[in-house]
Amino acid sequence: MQPGSIVVRTGERRLYLVRDDGTALRYPVAVGRPDRQWFGESVVLRKHVRPAWAPPEGVRRDHPTLPAVVPAGAPNNPLGERALTLPNQYAIHGTNRPASINTFASYGCIRMFNEDVIHLFDRVEVGARVVVER
């Protein structure tokens, strides 16, 4: 795997960042619920600091009282301090629910502790390969 690549192993609930020497940094994550998981390859499309959140259609369908946009920094903003967006509507992002880490909790996004996503954010480039495995 090429340095700078991200590998998510949903069964382990771990994210790995491949380093230049072939080793990897390992982070605990929350992953999609069994009926919301996705697998395959993607790339980091954009990087956002303290992003606002526009709930995707599936989330709004399940939670119709959500606003169209949740402002950055709001306590109900699930994206936390950083987000690495992927072209498939998913993201690797921080969380306002740290107790969800190490669980199957999301609609398909990869959640990280805010301090971990900040650490990752500073080491990942736009265009980095992302592989999500079982």
N, C-alpha and C. Protein backbone atom coordinates (compact mmCIF):
# COMPACT_ATOMS: atom_id res chain seq x y z
N MET A 1 0.86 -1.18 0.00
CA MET A 1 0.00 0.00 0.00
C MET A 1 0.90 1.24 0.00
N GLN A 2 0.53 2.21 -0.77
CA GLN A 2 1.31 3.43 -0.96
C GLN A 2 1.28 4.32 0.29
N PRO A 3 2.41 4.92 0.68
CA PRO A 3 2.42 5.84 1.81
C PRO A 3 1.37 6.95 1.62
N GLY A 4 0.71 7.31 2.71
CA GLY A 4 -0.34 8.31 2.67
C GLY A 4 -1.72 7.71 2.46
N SER A 5 -1.78 6.41 2.14
CA SER A 5 -3.07 5.75 1.96
C SER A 5 -3.72 5.48 3.31
N ILE A 6 -5.04 5.43 3.28
CA ILE A 6 -5.84 5.13 4.47
C ILE A 6 -6.53 3.80 4.24
N VAL A 7 -6.45 2.92 5.24
CA VAL A 7 -7.15 1.65 5.21
C VAL A 7 -8.06 1.61 6.43
N VAL A 8 -9.35 1.33 6.20
CA VAL A 8 -10.30 1.17 7.30
C VAL A 8 -10.71 -0.29 7.32
N ARG A 9 -10.55 -0.92 8.45
CA ARG A 9 -11.00 -2.31 8.63
C ARG A 9 -12.20 -2.27 9.55
N THR A 10 -13.37 -2.41 8.94
CA THR A 10 -14.61 -2.23 9.72
C THR A 10 -14.76 -3.28 10.81
N GLY A 11 -14.36 -4.51 10.54
CA GLY A 11 -14.48 -5.55 11.56
C GLY A 11 -13.64 -5.27 12.79
N GLU A 12 -12.50 -4.62 12.59
CA GLU A 12 -11.62 -4.24 13.70
C GLU A 12 -12.02 -2.91 14.30
N ARG A 13 -12.79 -2.13 13.53
CA ARG A 13 -13.10 -0.75 13.89
C ARG A 13 -11.80 0.03 14.13
N ARG A 14 -10.95 -0.05 13.10
CA ARG A 14 -9.65 0.63 13.12
C ARG A 14 -9.40 1.28 11.76
N LEU A 15 -8.72 2.41 11.80
CA LEU A 15 -8.25 3.10 10.61
C LEU A 15 -6.74 3.10 10.67
N TYR A 16 -6.12 2.82 9.53
CA TYR A 16 -4.66 2.78 9.43
C TYR A 16 -4.21 3.81 8.40
N LEU A 17 -3.21 4.59 8.75
CA LEU A 17 -2.56 5.51 7.82
C LEU A 17 -1.19 4.96 7.52
N VAL A 18 -0.96 4.60 6.26
CA VAL A 18 0.31 4.01 5.84
C VAL A 18 1.39 5.10 5.81
N ARG A 19 2.49 4.82 6.50
CA ARG A 19 3.59 5.78 6.59
C ARG A 19 4.66 5.47 5.54
N ASP A 20 5.60 6.39 5.40
CA ASP A 20 6.66 6.25 4.39
C ASP A 20 7.50 4.99 4.56
N ASP A 21 7.67 4.54 5.79
CA ASP A 21 8.51 3.36 6.03
C ASP A 21 7.74 2.04 5.93
N GLY A 22 6.47 2.10 5.52
CA GLY A 22 5.67 0.90 5.37
C GLY A 22 4.89 0.50 6.61
N THR A 23 5.19 1.14 7.74
CA THR A 23 4.40 0.90 8.94
C THR A 23 3.14 1.75 8.86
N ALA A 24 2.26 1.62 9.84
CA ALA A 24 1.02 2.38 9.81
C ALA A 24 0.69 2.94 11.18
N LEU A 25 0.14 4.13 11.19
CA LEU A 25 -0.46 4.68 12.40
C LEU A 25 -1.85 4.06 12.52
N ARG A 26 -2.25 3.71 13.72
CA ARG A 26 -3.55 3.05 13.92
C ARG A 26 -4.41 3.92 14.82
N TYR A 27 -5.68 4.05 14.42
CA TYR A 27 -6.64 4.85 15.18
C TYR A 27 -7.92 4.03 15.39
N PRO A 28 -8.54 4.13 16.58
CA PRO A 28 -9.86 3.51 16.76
C PRO A 28 -10.92 4.37 16.07
N VAL A 29 -11.93 3.73 15.51
CA VAL A 29 -12.99 4.46 14.81
C VAL A 29 -14.35 3.82 15.08
N ALA A 30 -15.39 4.55 14.78
CA ALA A 30 -16.74 4.00 14.66
C ALA A 30 -17.00 3.86 13.17
N VAL A 31 -17.71 2.82 12.80
CA VAL A 31 -18.00 2.57 11.39
C VAL A 31 -19.51 2.45 11.21
N GLY A 32 -19.92 2.23 9.97
CA GLY A 32 -21.34 2.12 9.66
C GLY A 32 -22.01 0.96 10.36
N ARG A 33 -23.27 1.16 10.68
CA ARG A 33 -24.08 0.05 11.19
C ARG A 33 -24.09 -1.03 10.12
N PRO A 34 -24.34 -2.28 10.51
CA PRO A 34 -24.28 -3.36 9.52
C PRO A 34 -25.11 -3.11 8.26
N ASP A 35 -26.25 -2.45 8.38
CA ASP A 35 -27.08 -2.18 7.20
C ASP A 35 -26.68 -0.90 6.47
N ARG A 36 -25.66 -0.21 6.94
CA ARG A 36 -25.23 1.06 6.35
C ARG A 36 -23.78 1.04 5.88
N GLN A 37 -23.10 -0.08 6.01
CA GLN A 37 -21.69 -0.14 5.65
C GLN A 37 -21.48 -0.14 4.15
N TRP A 38 -20.32 0.31 3.74
CA TRP A 38 -19.90 0.22 2.35
C TRP A 38 -18.45 -0.24 2.35
N PHE A 39 -18.04 -0.84 1.27
CA PHE A 39 -16.68 -1.36 1.15
C PHE A 39 -16.16 -1.02 -0.24
N GLY A 40 -14.87 -0.85 -0.32
CA GLY A 40 -14.27 -0.57 -1.62
C GLY A 40 -13.23 0.51 -1.51
N GLU A 41 -12.95 1.12 -2.66
CA GLU A 41 -11.92 2.15 -2.74
C GLU A 41 -12.53 3.51 -3.03
N SER A 42 -11.88 4.53 -2.50
CA SER A 42 -12.30 5.90 -2.72
C SER A 42 -11.04 6.77 -2.61
N VAL A 43 -11.24 8.08 -2.61
CA VAL A 43 -10.14 9.03 -2.42
C VAL A 43 -10.63 10.18 -1.55
N VAL A 44 -9.69 10.84 -0.92
CA VAL A 44 -10.02 12.06 -0.17
C VAL A 44 -10.27 13.16 -1.19
N LEU A 45 -11.49 13.65 -1.21
CA LEU A 45 -11.89 14.68 -2.18
C LEU A 45 -11.59 16.09 -1.67
N ARG A 46 -11.92 16.32 -0.39
CA ARG A 46 -11.71 17.64 0.22
C ARG A 46 -11.38 17.47 1.69
N LYS A 47 -10.78 18.53 2.26
CA LYS A 47 -10.48 18.58 3.69
C LYS A 47 -11.15 19.83 4.26
N HIS A 48 -11.82 19.66 5.40
CA HIS A 48 -12.56 20.76 6.02
C HIS A 48 -12.21 20.89 7.50
N VAL A 49 -11.99 22.12 7.93
CA VAL A 49 -11.77 22.43 9.35
C VAL A 49 -13.09 22.91 9.93
N ARG A 50 -13.52 22.31 11.05
CA ARG A 50 -14.76 22.65 11.74
C ARG A 50 -15.91 22.85 10.75
N PRO A 51 -16.26 21.81 10.01
CA PRO A 51 -17.27 21.95 8.95
C PRO A 51 -18.69 22.07 9.48
N ALA A 52 -19.50 22.78 8.73
CA ALA A 52 -20.95 22.73 8.93
C ALA A 52 -21.40 21.37 8.38
N TRP A 53 -22.61 20.93 8.75
CA TRP A 53 -23.09 19.63 8.31
C TRP A 53 -24.47 19.76 7.68
N ALA A 54 -24.60 19.29 6.47
CA ALA A 54 -25.89 19.19 5.79
C ALA A 54 -26.28 17.72 5.81
N PRO A 55 -27.25 17.33 6.64
CA PRO A 55 -27.59 15.91 6.75
C PRO A 55 -27.99 15.33 5.39
N PRO A 56 -27.41 14.17 5.03
CA PRO A 56 -27.79 13.52 3.78
C PRO A 56 -29.25 13.09 3.80
N GLU A 57 -29.78 12.82 2.63
CA GLU A 57 -31.20 12.48 2.48
C GLU A 57 -31.62 11.32 3.39
N GLY A 58 -30.82 10.27 3.47
CA GLY A 58 -31.17 9.12 4.30
C GLY A 58 -31.26 9.47 5.77
N VAL A 59 -30.38 10.32 6.25
CA VAL A 59 -30.42 10.75 7.64
C VAL A 59 -31.65 11.63 7.87
N ARG A 60 -31.92 12.53 6.95
CA ARG A 60 -33.10 13.41 7.10
C ARG A 60 -34.40 12.61 7.05
N ARG A 61 -34.41 11.55 6.26
CA ARG A 61 -35.60 10.70 6.20
C ARG A 61 -35.86 10.06 7.57
N ASP A 62 -34.81 9.59 8.21
CA ASP A 62 -34.94 8.96 9.53
C ASP A 62 -35.13 9.97 10.66
N HIS A 63 -34.68 11.20 10.44
CA HIS A 63 -34.75 12.25 11.47
C HIS A 63 -35.27 13.54 10.83
N PRO A 64 -36.56 13.59 10.50
CA PRO A 64 -37.10 14.71 9.73
C PRO A 64 -37.05 16.07 10.44
N THR A 65 -36.81 16.09 11.73
CA THR A 65 -36.76 17.38 12.43
C THR A 65 -35.38 18.03 12.36
N LEU A 66 -34.41 17.34 11.77
CA LEU A 66 -33.09 17.95 11.63
C LEU A 66 -33.16 19.17 10.72
N PRO A 67 -32.39 20.19 11.04
CA PRO A 67 -32.34 21.35 10.13
C PRO A 67 -31.61 20.98 8.85
N ALA A 68 -31.76 21.80 7.83
CA ALA A 68 -31.09 21.56 6.55
C ALA A 68 -29.58 21.65 6.70
N VAL A 69 -29.10 22.52 7.59
CA VAL A 69 -27.67 22.66 7.85
C VAL A 69 -27.46 22.86 9.34
N VAL A 70 -26.50 22.13 9.89
CA VAL A 70 -26.11 22.31 11.30
C VAL A 70 -24.79 23.09 11.28
N PRO A 71 -24.75 24.26 11.91
CA PRO A 71 -23.55 25.10 11.85
C PRO A 71 -22.32 24.44 12.46
N ALA A 72 -21.17 24.87 11.98
CA ALA A 72 -19.89 24.42 12.55
C ALA A 72 -19.86 24.75 14.03
N GLY A 73 -19.36 23.83 14.83
CA GLY A 73 -19.23 24.07 16.26
C GLY A 73 -20.48 23.87 17.08
N ALA A 74 -21.62 23.68 16.42
CA ALA A 74 -22.86 23.46 17.17
C ALA A 74 -22.77 22.11 17.89
N PRO A 75 -23.35 22.01 19.09
CA PRO A 75 -23.24 20.76 19.84
C PRO A 75 -23.89 19.56 19.13
N ASN A 76 -24.83 19.81 18.24
CA ASN A 76 -25.48 18.71 17.51
C ASN A 76 -24.84 18.46 16.14
N ASN A 77 -23.68 19.06 15.89
CA ASN A 77 -22.96 18.83 14.64
C ASN A 77 -22.10 17.58 14.79
N PRO A 78 -22.42 16.50 14.07
CA PRO A 78 -21.71 15.24 14.27
C PRO A 78 -20.33 15.18 13.61
N LEU A 79 -19.92 16.20 12.86
CA LEU A 79 -18.66 16.12 12.13
C LEU A 79 -17.44 16.49 12.96
N GLY A 80 -17.64 17.09 14.11
CA GLY A 80 -16.52 17.41 14.97
C GLY A 80 -15.59 18.45 14.38
N GLU A 81 -14.31 18.30 14.70
CA GLU A 81 -13.31 19.32 14.38
C GLU A 81 -12.76 19.28 12.97
N ARG A 82 -12.81 18.13 12.31
CA ARG A 82 -12.27 18.01 10.96
C ARG A 82 -13.08 16.98 10.18
N ALA A 83 -13.05 17.13 8.85
CA ALA A 83 -13.69 16.13 7.98
C ALA A 83 -12.87 15.98 6.70
N LEU A 84 -12.67 14.74 6.31
CA LEU A 84 -12.07 14.39 5.03
C LEU A 84 -13.22 13.81 4.22
N THR A 85 -13.69 14.56 3.23
CA THR A 85 -14.85 14.08 2.48
C THR A 85 -14.40 13.20 1.32
N LEU A 86 -15.27 12.23 1.02
CA LEU A 86 -15.05 11.28 -0.06
C LEU A 86 -16.11 11.52 -1.13
N PRO A 87 -15.88 11.14 -2.37
CA PRO A 87 -16.85 11.43 -3.42
C PRO A 87 -18.17 10.68 -3.31
N ASN A 88 -18.26 9.70 -2.45
CA ASN A 88 -19.47 8.88 -2.35
C ASN A 88 -20.43 9.35 -1.26
N GLN A 89 -20.40 10.59 -0.87
CA GLN A 89 -21.24 11.23 0.15
C GLN A 89 -20.81 10.90 1.58
N TYR A 90 -19.79 10.07 1.74
CA TYR A 90 -19.31 9.73 3.08
C TYR A 90 -18.11 10.58 3.44
N ALA A 91 -17.70 10.48 4.71
CA ALA A 91 -16.55 11.23 5.19
C ALA A 91 -15.87 10.47 6.31
N ILE A 92 -14.63 10.82 6.52
CA ILE A 92 -13.89 10.44 7.72
C ILE A 92 -13.88 11.71 8.54
N HIS A 93 -14.45 11.67 9.72
CA HIS A 93 -14.62 12.91 10.47
C HIS A 93 -14.54 12.70 11.97
N GLY A 94 -14.43 13.81 12.69
CA GLY A 94 -14.49 13.78 14.15
C GLY A 94 -15.90 13.46 14.59
N THR A 95 -16.14 13.59 15.88
CA THR A 95 -17.47 13.27 16.38
C THR A 95 -17.82 14.09 17.62
N ASN A 96 -19.11 14.32 17.77
CA ASN A 96 -19.62 14.92 19.01
C ASN A 96 -20.13 13.82 19.94
N ARG A 97 -19.90 12.56 19.55
CA ARG A 97 -20.31 11.40 20.35
C ARG A 97 -19.12 10.45 20.54
N PRO A 98 -18.15 10.84 21.36
CA PRO A 98 -16.95 10.01 21.50
C PRO A 98 -17.24 8.60 22.03
N ALA A 99 -18.33 8.40 22.75
CA ALA A 99 -18.67 7.06 23.23
C ALA A 99 -19.00 6.10 22.09
N SER A 100 -19.24 6.63 20.89
CA SER A 100 -19.56 5.76 19.74
C SER A 100 -18.32 5.13 19.12
N ILE A 101 -17.13 5.63 19.45
CA ILE A 101 -15.91 5.07 18.88
C ILE A 101 -15.78 3.61 19.32
N ASN A 102 -15.32 2.78 18.41
CA ASN A 102 -15.20 1.32 18.58
C ASN A 102 -16.54 0.62 18.43
N THR A 103 -17.52 1.27 17.82
CA THR A 103 -18.82 0.64 17.63
C THR A 103 -19.23 0.73 16.15
N PHE A 104 -20.34 0.08 15.85
CA PHE A 104 -20.99 0.17 14.54
C PHE A 104 -22.12 1.17 14.73
N ALA A 105 -21.88 2.45 14.40
CA ALA A 105 -22.79 3.50 14.84
C ALA A 105 -23.32 4.41 13.74
N SER A 106 -22.63 4.52 12.63
CA SER A 106 -22.94 5.60 11.69
C SER A 106 -23.80 5.14 10.51
N TYR A 107 -24.08 6.09 9.64
CA TYR A 107 -24.78 5.83 8.39
C TYR A 107 -23.79 5.48 7.27
N GLY A 108 -22.58 5.18 7.63
CA GLY A 108 -21.56 4.81 6.65
C GLY A 108 -20.28 5.61 6.76
N CYS A 109 -20.34 6.74 7.44
CA CYS A 109 -19.13 7.53 7.65
C CYS A 109 -18.22 6.84 8.66
N ILE A 110 -16.97 7.27 8.67
CA ILE A 110 -15.98 6.77 9.61
C ILE A 110 -15.77 7.88 10.64
N ARG A 111 -16.11 7.59 11.89
CA ARG A 111 -15.97 8.57 12.97
C ARG A 111 -14.69 8.34 13.74
N MET A 112 -14.07 9.44 14.15
CA MET A 112 -12.85 9.37 14.94
C MET A 112 -12.96 10.31 16.13
N PHE A 113 -12.15 10.04 17.16
CA PHE A 113 -12.02 11.02 18.23
C PHE A 113 -11.53 12.31 17.59
N ASN A 114 -11.97 13.47 18.09
CA ASN A 114 -11.55 14.74 17.50
C ASN A 114 -10.03 14.91 17.49
N GLU A 115 -9.35 14.53 18.57
CA GLU A 115 -7.90 14.68 18.59
C GLU A 115 -7.23 13.77 17.55
N ASP A 116 -7.82 12.60 17.30
CA ASP A 116 -7.26 11.70 16.29
C ASP A 116 -7.50 12.21 14.87
N VAL A 117 -8.69 12.75 14.60
CA VAL A 117 -8.95 13.24 13.24
C VAL A 117 -8.09 14.48 12.94
N ILE A 118 -7.80 15.28 13.95
CA ILE A 118 -6.89 16.42 13.75
C ILE A 118 -5.50 15.89 13.40
N HIS A 119 -5.03 14.87 14.11
CA HIS A 119 -3.73 14.26 13.85
C HIS A 119 -3.68 13.69 12.43
N LEU A 120 -4.73 12.96 12.04
CA LEU A 120 -4.82 12.39 10.69
C LEU A 120 -4.88 13.48 9.63
N PHE A 121 -5.73 14.47 9.84
CA PHE A 121 -5.95 15.57 8.90
C PHE A 121 -4.64 16.22 8.46
N ASP A 122 -3.75 16.42 9.44
CA ASP A 122 -2.48 17.09 9.15
C ASP A 122 -1.51 16.22 8.37
N ARG A 123 -1.81 14.93 8.22
CA ARG A 123 -0.90 13.98 7.57
C ARG A 123 -1.43 13.43 6.25
N VAL A 124 -2.64 13.80 5.89
CA VAL A 124 -3.28 13.24 4.69
C VAL A 124 -3.45 14.34 3.64
N GLU A 125 -3.19 13.97 2.40
CA GLU A 125 -3.34 14.90 1.29
C GLU A 125 -4.65 14.66 0.56
N VAL A 126 -5.20 15.72 -0.04
CA VAL A 126 -6.33 15.55 -0.95
C VAL A 126 -5.86 14.61 -2.07
N GLY A 127 -6.69 13.67 -2.43
CA GLY A 127 -6.33 12.67 -3.43
C GLY A 127 -5.81 11.38 -2.85
N ALA A 128 -5.60 11.34 -1.53
CA ALA A 128 -5.10 10.11 -0.90
C ALA A 128 -6.10 8.97 -1.11
N ARG A 129 -5.56 7.79 -1.32
CA ARG A 129 -6.37 6.59 -1.50
C ARG A 129 -6.99 6.16 -0.18
N VAL A 130 -8.25 5.76 -0.22
CA VAL A 130 -8.97 5.25 0.95
C VAL A 130 -9.52 3.88 0.58
N VAL A 131 -9.21 2.88 1.38
CA VAL A 131 -9.70 1.52 1.16
C VAL A 131 -10.48 1.11 2.39
N VAL A 132 -11.74 0.73 2.20
CA VAL A 132 -12.58 0.26 3.30
C VAL A 132 -12.80 -1.24 3.12
N GLU A 133 -12.34 -2.01 4.11
CA GLU A 133 -12.41 -3.47 4.06
C GLU A 133 -13.30 -3.98 5.20
N ARG A 134 -13.73 -5.22 5.05
CA ARG A 134 -14.50 -5.86 6.14
C ARG A 134 -13.65 -6.10 7.35
